[in-house]
C-alpha atoms as a PDB file:
ATOM      1  CA  UNK A   1      29.611  43.011  10.118  1.00  0.00           C
ATOM      2  CA  UNK A   2      31.793  39.908  10.351  1.00  0.00           C
ATOM      3  CA  UNK A   3      30.114  36.577   9.879  1.00  0.00           C
ATOM      4  CA  UNK A   4      29.272  34.304  12.799  1.00  0.00           C
ATOM      5  CA  UNK A   5      32.204  31.839  12.851  1.00  0.00           C
ATOM      6  CA  UNK A   6      31.393  28.188  13.567  1.00  0.00           C
ATOM      7  CA  UNK A   7      33.784  25.382  14.513  1.00  0.00           C
ATOM      8  CA  UNK A   8      32.863  22.047  12.884  1.00  0.00           C
ATOM      9  CA  UNK A   9      33.818  18.921  14.821  1.00  0.00           C
ATOM     10  CA  UNK A  10      33.143  15.916  12.566  1.00  0.00           C
ATOM     11  CA  UNK A  11      35.268  12.784  12.101  1.00  0.00           C
ATOM     12  CA  UNK A  12      34.303  12.129   8.456  1.00  0.00           C
ATOM     13  CA  UNK A  13      36.152  14.650   6.225  1.00  0.00           C
ATOM     14  CA  UNK A  14      33.628  14.505   3.362  1.00  0.00           C
ATOM     15  CA  UNK A  15      30.717  15.024   5.749  1.00  0.00           C
ATOM     16  CA  UNK A  16      32.571  17.906   7.427  1.00  0.00           C
ATOM     17  CA  UNK A  17      33.159  19.597   4.052  1.00  0.00           C
ATOM     18  CA  UNK A  18      29.494  19.109   3.142  1.00  0.00           C
ATOM     19  CA  UNK A  19      28.405  20.711   6.429  1.00  0.00           C
ATOM     20  CA  UNK A  20      30.823  23.593   5.832  1.00  0.00           C
ATOM     21  CA  UNK A  21      29.306  24.121   2.396  1.00  0.00           C
ATOM     22  CA  UNK A  22      25.793  24.243   3.852  1.00  0.00           C
ATOM     23  CA  UNK A  23      26.865  26.717   6.540  1.00  0.00           C
ATOM     24  CA  UNK A  24      28.578  28.973   4.008  1.00  0.00           C
ATOM     25  CA  UNK A  25      25.467  28.952   1.814  1.00  0.00           C
ATOM     26  CA  UNK A  26      23.542  30.082   4.900  1.00  0.00           C
ATOM     27  CA  UNK A  27      26.048  32.953   5.282  1.00  0.00           C
ATOM     28  CA  UNK A  28      27.918  31.605   8.302  1.00  0.00           C
ATOM     29  CA  UNK A  29      31.707  31.632   8.475  1.00  0.00           C
ATOM     30  CA  UNK A  30      33.820  28.529   9.145  1.00  0.00           C
ATOM     31  CA  UNK A  31      36.161  29.015  12.103  1.00  0.00           C
ATOM     32  CA  UNK A  32      37.787  25.643  11.526  1.00  0.00           C
ATOM     33  CA  UNK A  33      37.211  21.944  10.868  1.00  0.00           C
ATOM     34  CA  UNK A  34      38.611  19.249  13.181  1.00  0.00           C
ATOM     35  CA  UNK A  35      38.044  15.515  13.169  1.00  0.00           C
ATOM     36  CA  UNK A  36      38.549  14.342  16.757  1.00  0.00           C
ATOM     37  CA  UNK A  37      37.658  15.408  20.268  1.00  0.00           C
ATOM     38  CA  UNK A  38      41.301  15.923  21.118  1.00  0.00           C
ATOM     39  CA  UNK A  39      41.796  18.215  18.095  1.00  0.00           C
ATOM     40  CA  UNK A  40      38.681  20.147  19.081  1.00  0.00           C
ATOM     41  CA  UNK A  41      39.949  20.759  22.614  1.00  0.00           C
ATOM     42  CA  UNK A  42      43.378  21.819  21.325  1.00  0.00           C
ATOM     43  CA  UNK A  43      41.694  24.246  18.934  1.00  0.00           C
ATOM     44  CA  UNK A  44      39.400  25.657  21.635  1.00  0.00           C
ATOM     45  CA  UNK A  45      42.300  26.265  24.007  1.00  0.00           C
ATOM     46  CA  UNK A  46      43.771  28.878  21.661  1.00  0.00           C
ATOM     47  CA  UNK A  47      40.814  30.036  19.537  1.00  0.00           C
ATOM     48  CA  UNK A  48      37.459  31.608  20.225  1.00  0.00           C
ATOM     49  CA  UNK A  49      34.802  30.659  17.645  1.00  0.00           C
ATOM     50  CA  UNK A  50      31.278  32.045  17.992  1.00  0.00           C
ATOM     51  CA  UNK A  51      29.671  28.582  18.114  1.00  0.00           C
ATOM     52  CA  UNK A  52      30.387  24.897  17.503  1.00  0.00           C
ATOM     53  CA  UNK A  53      28.676  22.110  15.595  1.00  0.00           C
ATOM     54  CA  UNK A  54      29.600  18.803  17.230  1.00  0.00           C
ATOM     55  CA  UNK A  55      29.210  15.276  15.941  1.00  0.00           C
ATOM     56  CA  UNK A  56      28.818  12.948  18.905  1.00  0.00           C
ATOM     57  CA  UNK A  57      30.796   9.979  17.550  1.00  0.00           C
ATOM     58  CA  UNK A  58      34.365  11.092  16.830  1.00  0.00           C
ATOM     59  CA  UNK A  59      37.746   9.600  16.045  1.00  0.00           C
ATOM     60  CA  UNK A  60      39.957   9.323  19.117  1.00  0.00           C
ATOM     61  CA  UNK A  61      39.103   8.719  22.746  1.00  0.00           C
ATOM     62  CA  UNK A  62      36.948  11.816  23.318  1.00  0.00           C
ATOM     63  CA  UNK A  63      33.437  12.011  21.917  1.00  0.00           C
ATOM     64  CA  UNK A  64      31.435  15.122  21.094  1.00  0.00           C
ATOM     65  CA  UNK A  65      29.705  15.126  24.462  1.00  0.00           C
ATOM     66  CA  UNK A  66      33.057  15.384  26.230  1.00  0.00           C
ATOM     67  CA  UNK A  67      33.979  18.264  23.913  1.00  0.00           C
ATOM     68  CA  UNK A  68      30.716  19.942  24.918  1.00  0.00           C
ATOM     69  CA  UNK A  69      31.624  19.521  28.586  1.00  0.00           C
ATOM     70  CA  UNK A  70      34.979  21.205  27.889  1.00  0.00           C
ATOM     71  CA  UNK A  71      33.191  24.069  26.108  1.00  0.00           C
ATOM     72  CA  UNK A  72      30.886  24.575  29.086  1.00  0.00           C
ATOM     73  CA  UNK A  73      33.836  24.739  31.460  1.00  0.00           C
ATOM     74  CA  UNK A  74      36.216  26.858  29.379  1.00  0.00           C
ATOM     75  CA  UNK A  75      34.688  28.596  26.337  1.00  0.00           C
ATOM     76  CA  UNK A  76      31.117  29.655  27.082  1.00  0.00           C
ATOM     77  CA  UNK A  77      29.906  29.425  23.470  1.00  0.00           C
ATOM     78  CA  UNK A  78      26.722  27.815  22.119  1.00  0.00           C
ATOM     79  CA  UNK A  79      26.927  24.413  20.435  1.00  0.00           C
ATOM     80  CA  UNK A  80      24.634  22.123  18.472  1.00  0.00           C
ATOM     81  CA  UNK A  81      24.985  18.340  18.290  1.00  0.00           C
ATOM     82  CA  UNK A  82      24.844  16.631  14.909  1.00  0.00           C
ATOM     83  CA  UNK A  83      24.593  12.852  14.986  1.00  0.00           C
ATOM     84  CA  UNK A  84      23.055   9.749  13.504  1.00  0.00           C
ATOM     85  CA  UNK A  85      22.472   8.353  16.992  1.00  0.00           C
ATOM     86  CA  UNK A  86      19.205   9.183  18.740  1.00  0.00           C
ATOM     87  CA  UNK A  87      18.986   6.409  21.351  1.00  0.00           C
ATOM     88  CA  UNK A  88      17.683   7.238  24.824  1.00  0.00           C
ATOM     89  CA  UNK A  89      21.067   6.853  26.539  1.00  0.00           C
ATOM     90  CA  UNK A  90      22.753   9.263  24.124  1.00  0.00           C
ATOM     91  CA  UNK A  91      19.946  11.793  24.481  1.00  0.00           C
ATOM     92  CA  UNK A  92      20.226  11.697  28.268  1.00  0.00           C
ATOM     93  CA  UNK A  93      23.999  12.331  28.099  1.00  0.00           C
ATOM     94  CA  UNK A  94      23.401  15.157  25.625  1.00  0.00           C
ATOM     95  CA  UNK A  95      20.816  16.828  27.884  1.00  0.00           C
ATOM     96  CA  UNK A  96      23.327  17.133  30.712  1.00  0.00           C
ATOM     97  CA  UNK A  97      25.514  19.417  28.570  1.00  0.00           C
ATOM     98  CA  UNK A  98      22.628  21.877  27.880  1.00  0.00           C
ATOM     99  CA  UNK A  99      23.135  22.096  24.099  1.00  0.00           C
ATOM    100  CA  UNK A 100      21.626  24.790  21.941  1.00  0.00           C
ATOM    101  CA  UNK A 101      20.207  22.146  19.618  1.00  0.00           C
ATOM    102  CA  UNK A 102      20.298  18.532  18.465  1.00  0.00           C
ATOM    103  CA  UNK A 103      20.195  17.539  14.772  1.00  0.00           C
ATOM    104  CA  UNK A 104      19.794  13.958  13.574  1.00  0.00           C
ATOM    105  CA  UNK A 105      21.367  13.048  10.225  1.00  0.00           C
ATOM    106  CA  UNK A 106      20.283  13.420   7.480  1.00  0.00           C
ATOM    107  CA  UNK A 107      19.346  17.083   7.909  1.00  0.00           C
ATOM    108  CA  UNK A 108      18.362  19.883   5.543  1.00  0.00           C
ATOM    109  CA  UNK A 109      19.540  23.490   5.398  1.00  0.00           C
ATOM    110  CA  UNK A 110      16.359  24.793   7.032  1.00  0.00           C
ATOM    111  CA  UNK A 111      16.892  22.548  10.075  1.00  0.00           C
ATOM    112  CA  UNK A 112      20.553  23.570  10.252  1.00  0.00           C
ATOM    113  CA  UNK A 113      19.759  27.284  10.025  1.00  0.00           C
ATOM    114  CA  UNK A 114      16.974  27.064  12.605  1.00  0.00           C
ATOM    115  CA  UNK A 115      19.132  25.103  15.055  1.00  0.00           C
ATOM    116  CA  UNK A 116      22.144  27.415  14.773  1.00  0.00           C
ATOM    117  CA  UNK A 117      20.105  30.625  15.057  1.00  0.00           C
ATOM    118  CA  UNK A 118      18.156  29.316  18.067  1.00  0.00           C
ATOM    119  CA  UNK A 119      21.382  28.221  19.764  1.00  0.00           C
ATOM    120  CA  UNK A 120      23.028  31.606  19.185  1.00  0.00           C
ATOM    121  CA  UNK A 121      19.999  33.644  20.237  1.00  0.00           C
ATOM    122  CA  UNK A 122      19.280  31.573  23.343  1.00  0.00           C
ATOM    123  CA  UNK A 123      22.924  31.770  24.399  1.00  0.00           C
ATOM    124  CA  UNK A 124      22.886  35.570  24.174  1.00  0.00           C
ATOM    125  CA  UNK A 125      19.697  35.698  26.246  1.00  0.00           C
ATOM    126  CA  UNK A 126      21.056  33.322  28.908  1.00  0.00           C
ATOM    127  CA  UNK A 127      24.482  35.012  29.103  1.00  0.00           C
ATOM    128  CA  UNK A 128      23.809  38.752  28.942  1.00  0.00           C
ATOM    129  CA  UNK A 129      26.657  41.240  29.305  1.00  0.00           C
ATOM    130  CA  UNK A 130      26.832  43.138  32.562  1.00  0.00           C
ATOM    131  CA  UNK A 131      27.053  46.581  30.917  1.00  0.00           C
ATOM    132  CA  UNK A 132      23.858  48.557  30.365  1.00  0.00           C
ATOM    133  CA  UNK A 133      22.728  49.224  26.817  1.00  0.00           C
ATOM    134  CA  UNK A 134      21.711  52.865  26.295  1.00  0.00           C
ATOM    135  CA  UNK A 135      20.662  54.810  23.221  1.00  0.00           C
ATOM    136  CA  UNK A 136      23.623  57.182  23.567  1.00  0.00           C
ATOM    137  CA  UNK A 137      26.080  54.311  23.984  1.00  0.00           C
ATOM    138  CA  UNK A 138      24.646  52.429  21.017  1.00  0.00           C
ATOM    139  CA  UNK A 139      24.603  55.393  18.655  1.00  0.00           C
ATOM    140  CA  UNK A 140      28.258  56.189  19.393  1.00  0.00           C
ATOM    141  CA  UNK A 141      29.096  52.988  17.504  1.00  0.00           C
ATOM    142  CA  UNK A 142      26.775  53.614  14.536  1.00  0.00           C
ATOM    143  CA  UNK A 143      27.109  55.786  11.441  1.00  0.00           C
ATOM    144  CA  UNK A 144      23.317  56.092  11.132  1.00  0.00           C
ATOM    145  CA  UNK A 145      21.890  56.475  14.671  1.00  0.00           C
ATOM    146  CA  UNK A 146      18.840  54.629  15.952  1.00  0.00           C
ATOM    147  CA  UNK A 147      15.712  56.577  16.767  1.00  0.00           C
ATOM    148  CA  UNK A 148      14.231  56.323  20.257  1.00  0.00           C
ATOM    149  CA  UNK A 149      11.468  54.058  18.919  1.00  0.00           C
ATOM    150  CA  UNK A 150      13.984  51.783  17.166  1.00  0.00           C
ATOM    151  CA  UNK A 151      16.076  51.574  20.318  1.00  0.00           C
ATOM    152  CA  UNK A 152      13.005  50.603  22.369  1.00  0.00           C
ATOM    153  CA  UNK A 153      12.249  47.836  19.881  1.00  0.00           C
ATOM    154  CA  UNK A 154      15.889  46.713  19.967  1.00  0.00           C
ATOM    155  CA  UNK A 155      15.700  46.344  23.747  1.00  0.00           C
ATOM    156  CA  UNK A 156      12.532  44.265  23.381  1.00  0.00           C
ATOM    157  CA  UNK A 157      14.247  42.105  20.757  1.00  0.00           C
ATOM    158  CA  UNK A 158      17.116  41.556  23.191  1.00  0.00           C
ATOM    159  CA  UNK A 159      14.644  40.079  25.671  1.00  0.00           C
ATOM    160  CA  UNK A 160      13.587  37.500  23.057  1.00  0.00           C
ATOM    161  CA  UNK A 161      10.175  38.812  21.985  1.00  0.00           C
ATOM    162  CA  UNK A 162       8.683  37.564  18.711  1.00  0.00           C
ATOM    163  CA  UNK A 163       7.381  39.972  16.060  1.00  0.00           C
ATOM    164  CA  UNK A 164       3.840  39.515  17.343  1.00  0.00           C
ATOM    165  CA  UNK A 165       4.971  40.192  20.917  1.00  0.00           C
ATOM    166  CA  UNK A 166       6.892  43.261  19.763  1.00  0.00           C
ATOM    167  CA  UNK A 167       3.789  44.582  18.029  1.00  0.00           C
ATOM    168  CA  UNK A 168       1.672  44.061  21.140  1.00  0.00           C
ATOM    169  CA  UNK A 169       4.254  45.574  23.492  1.00  0.00           C
ATOM    170  CA  UNK A 170       4.702  48.709  21.386  1.00  0.00           C
ATOM    171  CA  UNK A 171       1.074  49.091  20.218  1.00  0.00           C
ATOM    172  CA  UNK A 172       2.084  48.769  16.571  1.00  0.00           C
ATOM    173  CA  UNK A 173       1.052  46.544  13.666  1.00  0.00           C
ATOM    174  CA  UNK A 174       3.260  43.594  12.727  1.00  0.00           C
ATOM    175  CA  UNK A 175       3.987  45.265   9.367  1.00  0.00           C
ATOM    176  CA  UNK A 176       5.191  48.402  11.157  1.00  0.00           C
ATOM    177  CA  UNK A 177       7.368  46.251  13.418  1.00  0.00           C
ATOM    178  CA  UNK A 178       8.869  44.538  10.369  1.00  0.00           C
ATOM    179  CA  UNK A 179       9.685  47.950   8.878  1.00  0.00           C
ATOM    180  CA  UNK A 180      11.379  49.038  12.114  1.00  0.00           C
ATOM    181  CA  UNK A 181      13.330  45.762  12.233  1.00  0.00           C
ATOM    182  CA  UNK A 182      14.620  46.278   8.688  1.00  0.00           C
ATOM    183  CA  UNK A 183      15.747  49.789   9.655  1.00  0.00           C
ATOM    184  CA  UNK A 184      17.441  48.464  12.797  1.00  0.00           C
ATOM    185  CA  UNK A 185      19.227  45.698  10.857  1.00  0.00           C
ATOM    186  CA  UNK A 186      20.409  48.227   8.268  1.00  0.00           C
ATOM    187  CA  UNK A 187      21.774  50.607  10.908  1.00  0.00           C
ATOM    188  CA  UNK A 188      23.492  47.774  12.789  1.00  0.00           C
ATOM    189  CA  UNK A 189      24.882  46.359   9.529  1.00  0.00           C
ATOM    190  CA  UNK A 190      23.137  43.066  10.325  1.00  0.00           C
ATOM    191  CA  UNK A 191      21.136  40.722   8.140  1.00  0.00           C
ATOM    192  CA  UNK A 192      18.924  39.125  10.783  1.00  0.00           C
ATOM    193  CA  UNK A 193      18.159  38.978  14.518  1.00  0.00           C
ATOM    194  CA  UNK A 194      21.139  36.777  15.278  1.00  0.00           C
ATOM    195  CA  UNK A 195      23.607  39.224  13.751  1.00  0.00           C
ATOM    196  CA  UNK A 196      21.797  42.155  15.363  1.00  0.00           C
ATOM    197  CA  UNK A 197      22.207  40.561  18.789  1.00  0.00           C
ATOM    198  CA  UNK A 198      25.886  39.891  18.100  1.00  0.00           C
ATOM    199  CA  UNK A 199      26.299  43.555  17.197  1.00  0.00           C
ATOM    200  CA  UNK A 200      24.625  44.511  20.477  1.00  0.00           C
ATOM    201  CA  UNK A 201      27.066  42.252  22.330  1.00  0.00           C
ATOM    202  CA  UNK A 202      30.000  43.899  20.540  1.00  0.00           C
ATOM    203  CA  UNK A 203      28.715  47.309  21.616  1.00  0.00           C
ATOM    204  CA  UNK A 204      28.391  46.127  25.220  1.00  0.00           C
ATOM    205  CA  UNK A 205      31.920  44.702  25.082  1.00  0.00           C
ATOM    206  CA  UNK A 206      33.251  48.142  24.171  1.00  0.00           C
ATOM    207  CA  UNK A 207      31.119  50.097  26.651  1.00  0.00           C
END
């Protein structure tokens, strides 16, 4: 499965390269790196990344919050803010754009991974595809088909249930759920929940 491609919008080239390195170590792809709000908008007009990581303070007249507003109006992708500014006024402006996350520099890889995965997963839950996911439809796209039980668990995953909630809903132990999840990931050619949900979206797009 192709990697989740992230656009980095950061006005300091060395910082942008450092962020790209962290994302690549976490197995994300880099859709592109731009250094101003204007460059970001130009890029987004003709490209379709899976998500964006936006610094708030940028070179040029547009800041990251204005880029986020453009994304909300034109691109419908999740985004996470990355900034050294955490004052109340900035936070209030950020809230209005409904970001998937907000990271304050300096950050570590765990915080970056958690923020990006939450943003991606929440976006998929809030913007579901209109097509209906069925076992038959899903298995047409897979070399190794899902069992009925695995498909039921996949549907529960799509609704955002945790492992503990999956176990309770399906009357199974958490260890059994983890085994089913590993089987589902393998059959979907995904490494984690985020990639599994992207695969589900791809299937719905072709249904």
